[in-house]
């Protein structure tokens, strides 16, 4: 083996070591930017609970009219479609929060992601309820619509800032979030089964 070949192989090996080190640093940076997996699961549980509970409430409010105009199999199909949509919506909401936690400064959302995400979801739910009551079949004017969505953002920032100074409140919120996320074991199987039913129904 010539000296040139030894130098070439040595250079390739050194390049691979440097590349592996840079890749490890990049992965560590990405890992630090995102919240811990347990916190993500907790927020997913909250999102699943809110989306599915809201959907169930809407379904049962309209169930009497569904029974009058549709056959039982069609009502079951409507239920599956609504629950599948709620499941996808909860995944989307969780994905948006996780992405924001990686983009925004660490202290804003990623640090304490469980209780901060819980606050965001609760405030967003309250805003959605107010918006639904305000609309009543008509789209509100732009100033009212802006106020409905801008006000919760202000309250989210204020409440998160206040809770950051109250470790006891943080523990209470995290405890509530973790207990609520238990509904994952009920709603996720329903959501996945509903997705399968909707997918099979569209293929047939």
C-alpha atoms as a PDB file:
ATOM      1  CA  UNK A   1       0.000   0.000   0.000  1.00  0.00           C
ATOM      2  CA  UNK A   2       1.438   3.354  -1.082  1.00  0.00           C
ATOM      3  CA  UNK A   3       1.895   6.377   1.106  1.00  0.00           C
ATOM      4  CA  UNK A   4      -0.666   8.301  -0.960  1.00  0.00           C
ATOM      5  CA  UNK A   5      -3.337   5.638  -0.316  1.00  0.00           C
ATOM      6  CA  UNK A   6      -2.626   5.740   3.423  1.00  0.00           C
ATOM      7  CA  UNK A   7      -2.983   9.518   3.417  1.00  0.00           C
ATOM      8  CA  UNK A   8      -6.233   9.330   1.408  1.00  0.00           C
ATOM      9  CA  UNK A   9      -7.761   6.767   3.740  1.00  0.00           C
ATOM     10  CA  UNK A  10      -6.640   8.724   6.742  1.00  0.00           C
ATOM     11  CA  UNK A  11      -8.227  11.855   5.304  1.00  0.00           C
ATOM     12  CA  UNK A  12     -11.507  10.043   4.647  1.00  0.00           C
ATOM     13  CA  UNK A  13     -11.526   8.641   8.171  1.00  0.00           C
ATOM     14  CA  UNK A  14     -10.869  12.055   9.655  1.00  0.00           C
ATOM     15  CA  UNK A  15     -13.650  13.554   7.516  1.00  0.00           C
ATOM     16  CA  UNK A  16     -16.080  10.856   8.710  1.00  0.00           C
ATOM     17  CA  UNK A  17     -15.155  11.526  12.343  1.00  0.00           C
ATOM     18  CA  UNK A  18     -15.710  15.255  11.881  1.00  0.00           C
ATOM     19  CA  UNK A  19     -19.017  14.626  10.089  1.00  0.00           C
ATOM     20  CA  UNK A  20     -20.201  12.280  12.853  1.00  0.00           C
ATOM     21  CA  UNK A  21     -19.294  14.875  15.473  1.00  0.00           C
ATOM     22  CA  UNK A  22     -21.169  17.632  13.625  1.00  0.00           C
ATOM     23  CA  UNK A  23     -24.182  15.355  13.126  1.00  0.00           C
ATOM     24  CA  UNK A  24     -24.198  14.539  16.837  1.00  0.00           C
ATOM     25  CA  UNK A  25     -24.027  18.224  17.718  1.00  0.00           C
ATOM     26  CA  UNK A  26     -26.877  18.956  15.306  1.00  0.00           C
ATOM     27  CA  UNK A  27     -29.035  16.166  16.796  1.00  0.00           C
ATOM     28  CA  UNK A  28     -28.279  17.382  20.332  1.00  0.00           C
ATOM     29  CA  UNK A  29     -29.278  20.915  19.314  1.00  0.00           C
ATOM     30  CA  UNK A  30     -32.546  19.691  17.780  1.00  0.00           C
ATOM     31  CA  UNK A  31     -33.250  17.518  20.828  1.00  0.00           C
ATOM     32  CA  UNK A  32     -32.751  20.473  23.148  1.00  0.00           C
ATOM     33  CA  UNK A  33     -35.036  22.677  21.076  1.00  0.00           C
ATOM     34  CA  UNK A  34     -37.978  20.295  21.323  1.00  0.00           C
ATOM     35  CA  UNK A  35     -39.870  19.518  24.551  1.00  0.00           C
ATOM     36  CA  UNK A  36     -39.456  16.203  26.341  1.00  0.00           C
ATOM     37  CA  UNK A  37     -41.461  13.333  24.889  1.00  0.00           C
ATOM     38  CA  UNK A  38     -43.528  12.915  28.064  1.00  0.00           C
ATOM     39  CA  UNK A  39     -44.590  16.572  27.887  1.00  0.00           C
ATOM     40  CA  UNK A  40     -45.568  16.195  24.231  1.00  0.00           C
ATOM     41  CA  UNK A  41     -47.693  13.153  25.096  1.00  0.00           C
ATOM     42  CA  UNK A  42     -49.359  15.106  27.907  1.00  0.00           C
ATOM     43  CA  UNK A  43     -50.273  17.959  25.554  1.00  0.00           C
ATOM     44  CA  UNK A  44     -51.463  15.475  22.947  1.00  0.00           C
ATOM     45  CA  UNK A  45     -53.741  14.019  25.629  1.00  0.00           C
ATOM     46  CA  UNK A  46     -55.175  17.461  26.377  1.00  0.00           C
ATOM     47  CA  UNK A  47     -55.703  18.197  22.678  1.00  0.00           C
ATOM     48  CA  UNK A  48     -57.332  14.808  22.128  1.00  0.00           C
ATOM     49  CA  UNK A  49     -59.614  15.313  25.125  1.00  0.00           C
ATOM     50  CA  UNK A  50     -60.704  18.805  24.031  1.00  0.00           C
ATOM     51  CA  UNK A  51     -61.214  17.977  20.338  1.00  0.00           C
ATOM     52  CA  UNK A  52     -63.032  14.698  20.910  1.00  0.00           C
ATOM     53  CA  UNK A  53     -65.185  15.998  23.761  1.00  0.00           C
ATOM     54  CA  UNK A  54     -66.183  19.020  21.676  1.00  0.00           C
ATOM     55  CA  UNK A  55     -67.015  16.722  18.758  1.00  0.00           C
ATOM     56  CA  UNK A  56     -69.045  14.346  20.933  1.00  0.00           C
ATOM     57  CA  UNK A  57     -71.025  17.274  22.317  1.00  0.00           C
ATOM     58  CA  UNK A  58     -71.791  18.489  18.800  1.00  0.00           C
ATOM     59  CA  UNK A  59     -72.737  14.992  17.659  1.00  0.00           C
ATOM     60  CA  UNK A  60     -75.168  14.344  20.508  1.00  0.00           C
ATOM     61  CA  UNK A  61     -76.705  17.803  20.079  1.00  0.00           C
ATOM     62  CA  UNK A  62     -77.566  16.853  16.494  1.00  0.00           C
ATOM     63  CA  UNK A  63     -78.299  13.171  17.105  1.00  0.00           C
ATOM     64  CA  UNK A  64     -82.086  13.565  17.131  1.00  0.00           C
ATOM     65  CA  UNK A  65     -82.046  15.203  13.682  1.00  0.00           C
ATOM     66  CA  UNK A  66     -79.584  12.594  12.394  1.00  0.00           C
ATOM     67  CA  UNK A  67     -81.934   9.799  13.491  1.00  0.00           C
ATOM     68  CA  UNK A  68     -84.855  11.457  11.692  1.00  0.00           C
ATOM     69  CA  UNK A  69     -83.088  11.901   8.335  1.00  0.00           C
ATOM     70  CA  UNK A  70     -80.502   9.103   8.172  1.00  0.00           C
ATOM     71  CA  UNK A  71     -80.357   5.339   8.540  1.00  0.00           C
ATOM     72  CA  UNK A  72     -78.462   3.864  11.534  1.00  0.00           C
ATOM     73  CA  UNK A  73     -75.502   2.888   9.334  1.00  0.00           C
ATOM     74  CA  UNK A  74     -75.334   6.433   7.961  1.00  0.00           C
ATOM     75  CA  UNK A  75     -75.438   7.879  11.489  1.00  0.00           C
ATOM     76  CA  UNK A  76     -72.565   5.556  12.428  1.00  0.00           C
ATOM     77  CA  UNK A  77     -70.682   6.795   9.365  1.00  0.00           C
ATOM     78  CA  UNK A  78     -71.227  10.423  10.381  1.00  0.00           C
ATOM     79  CA  UNK A  79     -69.982   9.631  13.881  1.00  0.00           C
ATOM     80  CA  UNK A  80     -66.868   7.936  12.494  1.00  0.00           C
ATOM     81  CA  UNK A  81     -66.149  10.888  10.195  1.00  0.00           C
ATOM     82  CA  UNK A  82     -66.517  13.409  13.024  1.00  0.00           C
ATOM     83  CA  UNK A  83     -64.288  11.430  15.378  1.00  0.00           C
ATOM     84  CA  UNK A  84     -61.671  10.871  12.681  1.00  0.00           C
ATOM     85  CA  UNK A  85     -61.593  14.601  11.992  1.00  0.00           C
ATOM     86  CA  UNK A  86     -61.277  15.330  15.731  1.00  0.00           C
ATOM     87  CA  UNK A  87     -58.339  12.923  15.964  1.00  0.00           C
ATOM     88  CA  UNK A  88     -56.537  14.549  13.028  1.00  0.00           C
ATOM     89  CA  UNK A  89     -57.309  17.985  14.466  1.00  0.00           C
ATOM     90  CA  UNK A  90     -55.763  17.046  17.819  1.00  0.00           C
ATOM     91  CA  UNK A  91     -52.615  15.785  16.050  1.00  0.00           C
ATOM     92  CA  UNK A  92     -52.423  19.027  14.079  1.00  0.00           C
ATOM     93  CA  UNK A  93     -52.838  21.201  17.177  1.00  0.00           C
ATOM     94  CA  UNK A  94     -50.143  19.263  19.031  1.00  0.00           C
ATOM     95  CA  UNK A  95     -47.833  19.457  16.025  1.00  0.00           C
ATOM     96  CA  UNK A  96     -48.281  23.228  15.796  1.00  0.00           C
ATOM     97  CA  UNK A  97     -47.459  23.683  19.494  1.00  0.00           C
ATOM     98  CA  UNK A  98     -44.382  21.447  19.257  1.00  0.00           C
ATOM     99  CA  UNK A  99     -43.191  23.321  16.155  1.00  0.00           C
ATOM    100  CA  UNK A 100     -43.690  26.678  17.866  1.00  0.00           C
ATOM    101  CA  UNK A 101     -41.742  25.460  20.886  1.00  0.00           C
ATOM    102  CA  UNK A 102     -38.809  24.636  18.597  1.00  0.00           C
ATOM    103  CA  UNK A 103     -38.978  27.942  16.702  1.00  0.00           C
ATOM    104  CA  UNK A 104     -39.603  30.346  19.569  1.00  0.00           C
ATOM    105  CA  UNK A 105     -36.977  31.124  22.231  1.00  0.00           C
ATOM    106  CA  UNK A 106     -36.570  28.243  24.692  1.00  0.00           C
ATOM    107  CA  UNK A 107     -37.978  30.148  27.666  1.00  0.00           C
ATOM    108  CA  UNK A 108     -41.164  31.120  25.825  1.00  0.00           C
ATOM    109  CA  UNK A 109     -42.766  27.713  25.335  1.00  0.00           C
ATOM    110  CA  UNK A 110     -40.380  24.759  25.373  1.00  0.00           C
ATOM    111  CA  UNK A 111     -39.324  25.332  28.993  1.00  0.00           C
ATOM    112  CA  UNK A 112     -42.319  24.055  30.969  1.00  0.00           C
ATOM    113  CA  UNK A 113     -44.070  22.890  27.794  1.00  0.00           C
ATOM    114  CA  UNK A 114     -46.642  20.814  29.690  1.00  0.00           C
ATOM    115  CA  UNK A 115     -48.221  23.607  31.725  1.00  0.00           C
ATOM    116  CA  UNK A 116     -47.676  26.298  29.073  1.00  0.00           C
ATOM    117  CA  UNK A 117     -49.257  24.142  26.375  1.00  0.00           C
ATOM    118  CA  UNK A 118     -52.124  23.403  28.745  1.00  0.00           C
ATOM    119  CA  UNK A 119     -52.712  27.143  29.238  1.00  0.00           C
ATOM    120  CA  UNK A 120     -52.614  27.756  25.473  1.00  0.00           C
ATOM    121  CA  UNK A 121     -55.132  24.987  24.752  1.00  0.00           C
ATOM    122  CA  UNK A 122     -57.541  26.059  27.490  1.00  0.00           C
ATOM    123  CA  UNK A 123     -57.453  29.713  26.391  1.00  0.00           C
ATOM    124  CA  UNK A 124     -57.900  28.703  22.736  1.00  0.00           C
ATOM    125  CA  UNK A 125     -60.895  26.558  23.695  1.00  0.00           C
ATOM    126  CA  UNK A 126     -62.490  29.444  25.589  1.00  0.00           C
ATOM    127  CA  UNK A 127     -61.916  31.721  22.581  1.00  0.00           C
ATOM    128  CA  UNK A 128     -63.487  29.124  20.260  1.00  0.00           C
ATOM    129  CA  UNK A 129     -66.559  28.832  22.526  1.00  0.00           C
ATOM    130  CA  UNK A 130     -66.950  32.626  22.592  1.00  0.00           C
ATOM    131  CA  UNK A 131     -66.534  32.784  18.816  1.00  0.00           C
ATOM    132  CA  UNK A 132     -69.157  30.087  18.313  1.00  0.00           C
ATOM    133  CA  UNK A 133     -71.647  31.911  20.536  1.00  0.00           C
ATOM    134  CA  UNK A 134     -70.867  35.223  18.852  1.00  0.00           C
ATOM    135  CA  UNK A 135     -71.293  33.948  15.304  1.00  0.00           C
ATOM    136  CA  UNK A 136     -74.778  32.368  15.644  1.00  0.00           C
ATOM    137  CA  UNK A 137     -74.885  31.622  11.938  1.00  0.00           C
ATOM    138  CA  UNK A 138     -73.258  34.904  10.894  1.00  0.00           C
ATOM    139  CA  UNK A 139     -69.606  35.854  10.535  1.00  0.00           C
ATOM    140  CA  UNK A 140     -68.686  38.645  12.999  1.00  0.00           C
ATOM    141  CA  UNK A 141     -67.169  41.871  11.760  1.00  0.00           C
ATOM    142  CA  UNK A 142     -63.394  42.024  11.418  1.00  0.00           C
ATOM    143  CA  UNK A 143     -62.866  44.164  14.573  1.00  0.00           C
ATOM    144  CA  UNK A 144     -64.881  41.739  16.703  1.00  0.00           C
ATOM    145  CA  UNK A 145     -63.135  38.746  15.140  1.00  0.00           C
ATOM    146  CA  UNK A 146     -59.743  40.321  15.793  1.00  0.00           C
ATOM    147  CA  UNK A 147     -60.709  41.115  19.387  1.00  0.00           C
ATOM    148  CA  UNK A 148     -61.908  37.556  20.013  1.00  0.00           C
ATOM    149  CA  UNK A 149     -58.566  36.087  18.905  1.00  0.00           C
ATOM    150  CA  UNK A 150     -56.214  38.846  20.065  1.00  0.00           C
ATOM    151  CA  UNK A 151     -57.540  38.989  23.627  1.00  0.00           C
ATOM    152  CA  UNK A 152     -56.733  35.305  24.399  1.00  0.00           C
ATOM    153  CA  UNK A 153     -53.176  35.830  23.107  1.00  0.00           C
ATOM    154  CA  UNK A 154     -52.708  38.641  25.597  1.00  0.00           C
ATOM    155  CA  UNK A 155     -54.196  36.579  28.422  1.00  0.00           C
ATOM    156  CA  UNK A 156     -52.031  33.587  27.460  1.00  0.00           C
ATOM    157  CA  UNK A 157     -48.872  35.704  27.688  1.00  0.00           C
ATOM    158  CA  UNK A 158     -49.966  37.277  30.992  1.00  0.00           C
ATOM    159  CA  UNK A 159     -51.049  33.997  32.570  1.00  0.00           C
ATOM    160  CA  UNK A 160     -47.893  32.139  31.485  1.00  0.00           C
ATOM    161  CA  UNK A 161     -45.741  34.938  32.891  1.00  0.00           C
ATOM    162  CA  UNK A 162     -47.634  34.781  36.190  1.00  0.00           C
ATOM    163  CA  UNK A 163     -47.493  30.987  36.432  1.00  0.00           C
ATOM    164  CA  UNK A 164     -43.734  31.048  35.762  1.00  0.00           C
ATOM    165  CA  UNK A 165     -43.358  32.782  39.127  1.00  0.00           C
ATOM    166  CA  UNK A 166     -45.657  30.296  40.904  1.00  0.00           C
ATOM    167  CA  UNK A 167     -44.109  26.788  41.084  1.00  0.00           C
ATOM    168  CA  UNK A 168     -47.086  25.574  43.097  1.00  0.00           C
ATOM    169  CA  UNK A 169     -49.524  26.604  40.379  1.00  0.00           C
ATOM    170  CA  UNK A 170     -47.282  24.930  37.797  1.00  0.00           C
ATOM    171  CA  UNK A 171     -47.534  21.635  39.690  1.00  0.00           C
ATOM    172  CA  UNK A 172     -51.334  21.946  39.907  1.00  0.00           C
ATOM    173  CA  UNK A 173     -51.667  22.609  36.166  1.00  0.00           C
ATOM    174  CA  UNK A 174     -49.302  19.769  35.273  1.00  0.00           C
ATOM    175  CA  UNK A 175     -51.233  17.428  37.580  1.00  0.00           C
ATOM    176  CA  UNK A 176     -54.531  18.383  35.919  1.00  0.00           C
ATOM    177  CA  UNK A 177     -52.987  17.984  32.461  1.00  0.00           C
ATOM    178  CA  UNK A 178     -51.555  14.553  33.266  1.00  0.00           C
ATOM    179  CA  UNK A 179     -54.835  13.317  34.731  1.00  0.00           C
ATOM    180  CA  UNK A 180     -56.773  14.582  31.717  1.00  0.00           C
ATOM    181  CA  UNK A 181     -54.310  12.980  29.292  1.00  0.00           C
ATOM    182  CA  UNK A 182     -55.440   9.559  30.564  1.00  0.00           C
ATOM    183  CA  UNK A 183     -58.304   9.966  28.084  1.00  0.00           C
ATOM    184  CA  UNK A 184     -55.731   9.136  25.392  1.00  0.00           C
ATOM    185  CA  UNK A 185     -56.402   5.467  26.131  1.00  0.00           C
ATOM    186  CA  UNK A 186     -60.080   5.959  25.212  1.00  0.00           C
ATOM    187  CA  UNK A 187     -60.069   8.567  22.471  1.00  0.00           C
ATOM    188  CA  UNK A 188     -56.997   7.479  20.472  1.00  0.00           C
ATOM    189  CA  UNK A 189     -58.372   3.969  19.724  1.00  0.00           C
ATOM    190  CA  UNK A 190     -61.714   5.559  18.786  1.00  0.00           C
ATOM    191  CA  UNK A 191     -59.931   8.039  16.530  1.00  0.00           C
ATOM    192  CA  UNK A 192     -57.795   5.404  14.803  1.00  0.00           C
ATOM    193  CA  UNK A 193     -60.771   3.082  14.344  1.00  0.00           C
ATOM    194  CA  UNK A 194     -62.798   5.983  12.926  1.00  0.00           C
ATOM    195  CA  UNK A 195     -60.000   6.785  10.464  1.00  0.00           C
ATOM    196  CA  UNK A 196     -59.985   3.169   9.299  1.00  0.00           C
ATOM    197  CA  UNK A 197     -63.779   3.153   8.917  1.00  0.00           C
ATOM    198  CA  UNK A 198     -63.739   6.406   6.918  1.00  0.00           C
ATOM    199  CA  UNK A 199     -60.847   5.208   4.734  1.00  0.00           C
ATOM    200  CA  UNK A 200     -62.511   1.842   4.006  1.00  0.00           C
ATOM    201  CA  UNK A 201     -65.865   3.557   3.361  1.00  0.00           C
ATOM    202  CA  UNK A 202     -64.258   5.859   0.766  1.00  0.00           C
ATOM    203  CA  UNK A 203     -62.486   2.995  -0.945  1.00  0.00           C
ATOM    204  CA  UNK A 204     -65.573   0.811  -1.270  1.00  0.00           C
END
